[in-house]
Amino acid sequence: MNSIGKLFIVTSFGESHGPCVGVVVDGCPAGLPLTRAEIQREVDRRKPGEGAAATARREKDEVEVLSGLRDGHTTGAPIALLVRNEDVDDRDYDRIRSLLRPGHADYTALVKYGGFADGRGGGRFSGRITAGFVMAGAVARKLLATLGVEIAAHTVEIGGIEAKAASFEDIKTRAAQDPLRCADAAASKKMSDLIAKVKAEGDSLGGVIEGVAAGVPAGLGEPVFAGLDGELARALLAIPAVKGVAFGAGFAAARMKGSENNDPFALKNGKIITTGNNAGGILGGITDGMPVVVRVAVKPTASIAIEQATVDVAKMTEATIKVGGRHDACIVPRAVPVVEAMMAVTIGDFALRAGIVPRVIK
């Protein structure tokens, strides 16, 4: 399925080397202040930066609004958004068309679609489609801003190098200015040096991204099969290269005692809070009013220049492959705004389900 959400519904379309990629956002309330420039600003954050981690593919990614916006406000109609694919080069893919690329969805797509799927640049399974995710996220962020909800993500690990903990304010300011989207400048330098070394070897690196949503009201979530954490995990796992999702303390909770993992309750200015947040802001699939904290594991970029064993499906013989083309040595920094977008899309949908956002915003 290419749609997600129940009331705030996002439908993704496009392929890496097709004419365009984009989304249709249905269910956004009318009257929400929103401009093309605001959507463009989020898409620009997803573009490759400079340095060893960046891809050589340079798309303009100029957002086109086909419907749903007029005079700086949403109209209540479906919001259709796209960016064109212009910097496309098929030659490297033509040379290896029958060779299954390790780490990619070539084989599974072959089984699923009988050889009809467009495999150029990964096709429908490429990280390129996340440009549409970010556009949808821009709409959702504006919707959540009416509730005072803010979302920020940052790189917390690349290649085993871990960044120190950061406050929400530091994530919003320092990570936004860092080329690797890391709030820890010293760790970022070490990460960058490692990426350059691994790239020179023809290899790639993965890492971990932490996303934080502050100001999320208590009570969002529809247990048991539509808890906020379950639906958010589903949205985040739709990002190509994401292989793991954990909330709050995550897997570390398995090594704690209950007395260590539990978040004690307290009162602050007459409001119930918890004095810790090992739960990541979600209990029983429902938000508890604390920041929603999630971490995602991003695998290393699958396209590498090192020779690997594979199968030639045209000849049905074993073969070897070196993947050419233009690829990020580390996809983590570019995935940071995508994580923010999918958090916004999911939380925005649940805010509508809870009835705390009006259908017309005035």
Protein backbone atom coordinates (compact mmCIF):
# COMPACT_ATOMS: atom_id res chain seq x y z
CA MET A 1 0.00 0.00 0.00
CA ASN A 2 1.20 3.48 -0.83
CA SER A 3 -1.01 5.41 1.60
CA ILE A 4 -0.72 5.98 5.34
CA GLY A 5 -3.03 7.61 7.87
CA LYS A 6 -6.71 7.46 8.71
CA LEU A 7 -7.83 11.11 8.66
CA PHE A 8 -4.60 12.82 7.58
CA ILE A 9 -3.96 10.53 4.62
CA VAL A 10 -0.69 10.65 2.70
CA THR A 11 -0.38 8.85 -0.64
CA SER A 12 3.11 8.57 -2.10
CA PHE A 13 3.89 8.22 -5.81
CA GLY A 14 6.85 8.25 -8.18
CA GLU A 15 10.11 6.40 -8.79
CA SER A 16 13.76 7.39 -8.59
CA HIS A 17 14.33 7.86 -12.33
CA GLY A 18 10.74 8.50 -13.39
CA PRO A 19 9.40 11.96 -14.28
CA CYS A 20 8.75 12.99 -10.68
CA VAL A 21 8.13 11.97 -7.07
CA GLY A 22 5.45 13.39 -4.85
CA VAL A 23 2.51 12.99 -2.51
CA VAL A 24 -1.17 13.70 -2.20
CA VAL A 25 -2.22 14.82 1.28
CA ASP A 26 -5.93 14.31 1.90
CA GLY A 27 -7.82 15.32 5.02
CA CYS A 28 -5.89 18.43 5.96
CA PRO A 29 -8.28 21.00 7.48
CA ALA A 30 -9.19 24.06 5.43
CA GLY A 31 -7.86 27.45 6.46
CA LEU A 32 -4.41 26.28 7.61
CA PRO A 33 -1.84 29.02 6.80
CA LEU A 34 0.64 27.37 4.43
CA THR A 35 2.77 28.53 1.50
CA ARG A 36 4.82 26.79 -1.14
CA ALA A 37 7.91 28.48 0.32
CA GLU A 38 7.36 26.77 3.67
CA ILE A 39 7.15 23.38 1.98
CA GLN A 40 10.22 24.22 -0.11
CA ARG A 41 12.20 25.08 3.02
CA GLU A 42 11.68 21.56 4.39
CA VAL A 43 12.54 19.93 1.06
CA ASP A 44 15.75 21.97 0.88
CA ARG A 45 16.82 20.50 4.23
CA ARG A 46 16.71 17.03 2.64
CA LYS A 47 19.04 17.98 -0.23
CA PRO A 48 22.60 16.63 -0.12
CA GLY A 49 25.08 18.91 1.57
CA GLU A 50 28.80 19.07 1.02
CA GLY A 51 31.50 16.69 2.16
CA ALA A 52 32.21 12.98 2.12
CA ALA A 53 28.68 11.89 2.99
CA ALA A 54 27.00 13.65 0.07
CA THR A 55 25.83 12.16 -3.22
CA ALA A 56 26.88 13.61 -6.56
CA ARG A 57 23.27 13.59 -7.77
CA ARG A 58 22.01 17.18 -7.63
CA GLU A 59 18.31 17.69 -8.10
CA LYS A 60 16.75 21.16 -8.01
CA ASP A 61 13.79 19.76 -6.07
CA GLU A 62 11.59 22.76 -6.77
CA VAL A 63 8.22 22.03 -5.20
CA GLU A 64 5.18 22.22 -7.46
CA VAL A 65 1.76 22.64 -5.85
CA LEU A 66 -0.94 21.19 -8.08
CA SER A 67 -3.93 21.61 -5.79
CA GLY A 68 -5.11 22.29 -2.25
CA LEU A 69 -3.50 25.72 -1.63
CA ARG A 70 -4.83 29.15 -2.46
CA ASP A 71 -3.93 32.60 -1.17
CA GLY A 72 -1.59 31.17 1.45
CA HIS A 73 -4.11 28.78 3.01
CA THR A 74 -5.24 25.19 2.55
CA THR A 75 -8.58 24.87 0.77
CA GLY A 76 -9.71 21.56 2.22
CA ALA A 77 -9.12 19.83 -1.11
CA PRO A 78 -6.40 17.17 -1.52
CA ILE A 79 -2.97 18.81 -1.53
CA ALA A 80 -0.97 17.46 -4.48
CA LEU A 81 2.77 18.14 -4.31
CA LEU A 82 5.68 17.00 -6.46
CA VAL A 83 9.28 17.59 -7.47
CA ARG A 84 10.70 16.68 -10.88
CA ASN A 85 13.51 14.18 -11.44
CA GLU A 86 15.95 16.02 -13.72
CA ASP A 87 19.51 14.95 -12.85
CA VAL A 88 18.97 11.36 -14.00
CA ASP A 89 21.65 9.10 -15.48
CA ASP A 90 20.60 5.55 -16.39
CA ARG A 91 23.91 4.35 -17.83
CA ASP A 92 25.30 2.72 -14.68
CA TYR A 93 22.01 0.88 -14.15
CA ASP A 94 21.79 -0.30 -17.76
CA ARG A 95 25.17 -2.02 -17.37
CA ILE A 96 24.04 -4.07 -14.38
CA ARG A 97 20.38 -4.47 -15.25
CA SER A 98 20.31 -8.25 -14.80
CA LEU A 99 22.56 -8.33 -11.73
CA LEU A 100 20.93 -8.36 -8.30
CA ARG A 101 22.47 -5.65 -6.12
CA PRO A 102 23.18 -6.94 -2.59
CA GLY A 103 21.33 -4.98 0.07
CA HIS A 104 18.77 -3.65 -2.41
CA ALA A 105 15.20 -4.74 -3.12
CA ASP A 106 16.08 -5.99 -6.63
CA TYR A 107 15.35 -9.64 -5.89
CA THR A 108 12.25 -9.11 -3.80
CA ALA A 109 10.84 -6.66 -6.37
CA LEU A 110 11.55 -9.21 -9.10
CA VAL A 111 9.56 -11.85 -7.21
CA LYS A 112 6.75 -9.43 -6.33
CA TYR A 113 6.32 -7.66 -9.66
CA GLY A 114 7.54 -10.24 -12.15
CA GLY A 115 10.29 -8.08 -13.65
CA PHE A 116 8.04 -5.11 -14.51
CA ALA A 117 9.23 -2.84 -11.67
CA ASP A 118 11.44 0.10 -12.63
CA GLY A 119 14.77 -0.73 -11.02
CA ARG A 120 16.72 2.35 -12.13
CA GLY A 121 18.18 4.02 -9.08
CA GLY A 122 16.17 1.68 -6.89
CA GLY A 123 12.89 2.76 -8.50
CA ARG A 124 10.04 2.76 -6.02
CA PHE A 125 12.38 1.51 -3.28
CA SER A 126 14.82 4.41 -3.56
CA GLY A 127 15.42 6.99 -0.89
CA ARG A 128 14.45 9.48 -3.59
CA ILE A 129 10.76 8.93 -2.78
CA THR A 130 11.31 10.46 0.66
CA ALA A 131 11.25 13.90 -0.95
CA GLY A 132 7.49 13.34 -1.02
CA PHE A 133 7.50 12.30 2.64
CA VAL A 134 9.16 15.59 3.56
CA MET A 135 6.58 17.58 1.61
CA ALA A 136 3.77 15.85 3.49
CA GLY A 137 5.66 16.44 6.71
CA ALA A 138 5.81 20.17 6.01
CA VAL A 139 2.01 20.26 5.88
CA ALA A 140 1.71 18.21 9.07
CA ARG A 141 4.21 20.40 10.92
CA LYS A 142 2.11 23.49 10.23
CA LEU A 143 -0.96 21.62 11.46
CA LEU A 144 0.81 20.58 14.67
CA ALA A 145 2.09 24.11 15.23
CA THR A 146 -1.50 25.12 15.94
CA LEU A 147 -1.27 22.84 19.00
CA GLY A 148 2.18 24.04 20.04
CA VAL A 149 3.88 20.79 18.97
CA GLU A 150 7.49 21.02 17.75
CA ILE A 151 9.54 18.23 16.20
CA ALA A 152 13.32 17.98 15.80
CA ALA A 153 15.67 15.12 15.01
CA HIS A 154 19.44 14.72 15.02
CA THR A 155 22.20 12.26 14.22
CA VAL A 156 23.30 10.46 17.38
CA GLU A 157 25.57 7.79 15.88
CA ILE A 158 27.46 7.05 12.67
CA GLY A 159 29.77 4.07 12.22
CA GLY A 160 29.81 3.38 15.95
CA ILE A 161 30.79 6.96 16.88
CA GLU A 162 28.22 8.24 19.37
CA ALA A 163 27.25 11.85 20.04
CA LYS A 164 26.69 13.04 23.57
CA ALA A 165 23.15 13.72 24.78
CA ALA A 166 21.62 17.01 23.67
CA SER A 167 18.75 19.16 24.89
CA PHE A 168 15.79 19.84 22.65
CA GLU A 169 16.97 23.41 22.12
CA ASP A 170 20.44 22.21 21.09
CA ILE A 171 18.89 19.75 18.66
CA LYS A 172 16.88 22.56 17.07
CA THR A 173 19.84 24.95 16.80
CA ARG A 174 23.16 23.10 16.69
CA ALA A 175 22.07 20.05 14.70
CA ALA A 176 20.38 22.27 12.12
CA GLN A 177 23.69 24.01 11.40
CA ASP A 178 25.85 20.89 11.33
CA PRO A 179 26.61 19.16 7.98
CA LEU A 180 25.87 15.75 9.52
CA ARG A 181 22.83 17.04 11.48
CA CYS A 182 24.65 16.28 14.72
CA ALA A 183 24.32 18.48 17.81
CA ASP A 184 27.75 17.39 19.08
CA ALA A 185 30.40 19.20 17.00
CA ALA A 186 33.30 17.07 18.26
CA ALA A 187 31.51 13.82 17.44
CA SER A 188 30.44 15.21 14.07
CA LYS A 189 34.09 15.83 13.13
CA LYS A 190 35.02 12.26 14.01
CA MET A 191 32.02 10.96 12.05
CA SER A 192 32.97 13.04 9.02
CA ASP A 193 36.57 11.79 9.07
CA LEU A 194 35.38 8.18 9.27
CA ILE A 195 32.91 8.67 6.41
CA ALA A 196 35.69 10.08 4.22
CA LYS A 197 37.94 7.11 5.03
CA VAL A 198 35.24 4.52 4.34
CA LYS A 199 34.15 6.29 1.14
CA ALA A 200 37.73 6.18 -0.16
CA GLU A 201 37.64 2.43 0.39
CA GLY A 202 34.48 2.20 -1.74
CA ASP A 203 32.32 1.34 1.25
CA SER A 204 29.52 3.01 3.25
CA LEU A 205 28.26 3.58 6.79
CA GLY A 206 24.98 3.58 8.69
CA GLY A 207 23.94 5.14 11.97
CA VAL A 208 21.21 6.16 14.38
CA ILE A 209 18.83 9.13 14.35
CA GLU A 210 16.87 10.37 17.34
CA GLY A 211 13.59 12.22 16.85
CA VAL A 212 11.87 14.26 19.54
CA ALA A 213 8.34 15.71 19.48
CA ALA A 214 7.80 18.28 22.25
CA GLY A 215 4.44 19.62 23.34
CA VAL A 216 2.48 16.52 22.33
CA PRO A 217 -0.71 16.41 24.43
CA ALA A 218 -1.57 13.36 26.51
CA GLY A 219 -4.20 10.99 25.19
CA LEU A 220 -3.18 10.44 21.55
CA GLY A 221 -3.32 6.80 20.42
CA GLU A 222 -5.91 4.15 19.59
CA PRO A 223 -5.04 0.85 21.36
CA VAL A 224 -4.54 -1.91 20.84
CA PHE A 225 -3.72 -2.21 17.15
CA ALA A 226 -3.36 1.50 16.47
CA GLY A 227 -1.25 2.69 19.38
CA LEU A 228 0.78 5.77 18.54
CA ASP A 229 4.06 3.92 18.91
CA GLY A 230 2.95 1.11 16.60
CA GLU A 231 1.72 3.48 13.90
CA LEU A 232 4.78 5.68 14.25
CA ALA A 233 7.04 2.65 13.90
CA ARG A 234 5.14 1.70 10.75
CA ALA A 235 5.67 5.18 9.30
CA LEU A 236 9.36 5.27 10.15
CA LEU A 237 9.98 1.79 8.74
CA ALA A 238 8.59 3.04 5.43
CA ILE A 239 11.74 5.14 5.09
CA PRO A 240 14.15 3.16 2.89
CA ALA A 241 17.21 1.98 4.86
CA VAL A 242 15.51 2.15 8.29
CA LYS A 243 15.89 -1.27 9.94
CA GLY A 244 14.99 -0.63 13.56
CA VAL A 245 12.80 1.62 15.70
CA ALA A 246 12.92 2.04 19.49
CA PHE A 247 11.10 4.36 21.89
CA GLY A 248 12.53 6.02 24.98
CA ALA A 249 15.06 3.71 26.61
CA GLY A 250 14.40 1.21 23.83
CA PHE A 251 16.43 -2.01 24.07
CA ALA A 252 18.27 -0.66 27.12
CA ALA A 253 15.02 -1.20 29.04
CA ALA A 254 15.55 -4.94 28.71
CA ARG A 255 18.66 -4.60 30.86
CA MET A 256 17.03 -2.46 33.58
CA LYS A 257 15.15 -3.27 36.74
CA GLY A 258 11.58 -2.08 37.00
CA SER A 259 12.67 0.45 39.61
CA GLU A 260 15.13 1.86 37.07
CA ASN A 261 12.90 1.80 34.01
CA ASN A 262 9.67 3.14 35.53
CA ASP A 263 9.07 6.89 35.18
CA PRO A 264 7.74 8.21 38.53
CA PHE A 265 4.79 10.60 38.40
CA ALA A 266 4.83 14.07 39.91
CA LEU A 267 2.93 17.35 39.83
CA LYS A 268 4.28 20.50 38.20
CA ASN A 269 2.13 23.63 38.29
CA GLY A 270 -0.91 21.43 38.79
CA LYS A 271 -0.06 19.23 35.79
CA ILE A 272 0.81 15.53 35.97
CA ILE A 273 4.28 14.82 34.59
CA THR A 274 6.88 12.08 34.88
CA THR A 275 10.32 12.73 36.34
CA GLY A 276 11.96 10.53 33.70
CA ASN A 277 11.11 9.53 30.16
CA ASN A 278 12.24 5.95 29.63
CA ALA A 279 8.80 5.35 28.09
CA GLY A 280 9.55 7.85 25.33
CA GLY A 281 6.32 9.73 25.97
CA ILE A 282 4.06 6.75 25.24
CA LEU A 283 2.41 4.32 27.66
CA GLY A 284 0.01 1.62 26.48
CA GLY A 285 0.15 3.07 22.98
CA ILE A 286 -1.12 6.45 24.27
CA THR A 287 0.89 9.64 24.72
CA ASP A 288 1.46 10.65 28.35
CA GLY A 289 2.20 14.32 27.73
CA MET A 290 5.98 13.98 27.88
CA PRO A 291 8.14 14.42 24.76
CA VAL A 292 7.79 11.58 22.27
CA VAL A 293 11.32 10.23 21.81
CA VAL A 294 12.17 7.67 19.15
CA ARG A 295 15.40 6.33 17.69
CA VAL A 296 15.78 4.74 14.28
CA ALA A 297 18.59 2.52 13.02
CA VAL A 298 19.68 3.34 9.47
CA LYS A 299 21.61 0.68 7.59
CA PRO A 300 24.69 1.52 5.49
CA THR A 301 24.02 2.67 1.94
CA ALA A 302 23.61 -0.55 -0.05
CA SER A 303 25.29 0.72 -3.25
CA ILE A 304 29.05 0.33 -2.79
CA ALA A 305 32.04 0.13 -5.14
CA ILE A 306 33.46 -2.99 -3.50
CA GLU A 307 33.07 -6.20 -5.52
CA GLN A 308 30.34 -8.46 -4.13
CA ALA A 309 28.89 -11.85 -5.02
CA THR A 310 25.50 -11.89 -6.74
CA VAL A 311 23.36 -13.65 -9.35
CA ASP A 312 22.79 -12.70 -12.99
CA VAL A 313 19.04 -13.33 -13.36
CA ALA A 314 19.16 -13.18 -17.16
CA LYS A 315 21.64 -16.07 -17.33
CA MET A 316 20.79 -17.63 -13.94
CA THR A 317 24.48 -17.87 -13.12
CA GLU A 318 26.49 -16.66 -10.16
CA ALA A 319 28.39 -13.44 -10.82
CA THR A 320 30.10 -10.48 -9.18
CA ILE A 321 29.10 -6.83 -9.12
CA LYS A 322 30.53 -3.41 -8.39
CA VAL A 323 27.78 -0.81 -8.14
CA GLY A 324 28.54 2.43 -9.96
CA GLY A 325 26.43 5.55 -10.01
CA ARG A 326 26.09 8.43 -7.58
CA HIS A 327 25.38 7.46 -4.00
CA ASP A 328 25.67 8.84 -0.49
CA ALA A 329 28.49 7.23 1.47
CA CYS A 330 26.24 7.71 4.49
CA ILE A 331 22.51 8.38 4.15
CA VAL A 332 21.99 9.28 7.83
CA PRO A 333 22.22 13.10 7.62
CA ARG A 334 19.71 13.31 4.76
CA ALA A 335 17.32 11.01 6.60
CA VAL A 336 17.08 13.35 9.61
CA PRO A 337 14.39 15.63 8.08
CA VAL A 338 12.59 12.53 6.79
CA VAL A 339 12.34 11.15 10.34
CA GLU A 340 10.91 14.50 11.46
CA ALA A 341 8.42 14.41 8.58
CA MET A 342 7.10 10.94 9.36
CA MET A 343 6.76 11.83 13.03
CA ALA A 344 4.76 14.92 12.05
CA VAL A 345 2.54 13.01 9.63
CA THR A 346 1.71 10.34 12.23
CA ILE A 347 1.16 12.64 15.20
CA GLY A 348 -0.88 14.99 13.00
CA ASP A 349 -3.15 12.13 11.98
CA PHE A 350 -3.70 11.15 15.61
CA ALA A 351 -4.43 14.76 16.58
CA LEU A 352 -7.22 14.76 14.01
CA ARG A 353 -8.48 11.39 15.25
CA ALA A 354 -8.63 12.80 18.79
CA GLY A 355 -10.72 15.73 17.59
CA ILE A 356 -8.36 18.37 19.01
CA VAL A 357 -7.84 19.99 15.60
CA PRO A 358 -10.90 21.61 13.97
CA ARG A 359 -11.85 20.74 10.41
CA VAL A 360 -11.70 24.45 9.54
CA ILE A 361 -8.97 26.58 11.05
CA LYS A 362 -9.86 30.25 11.53
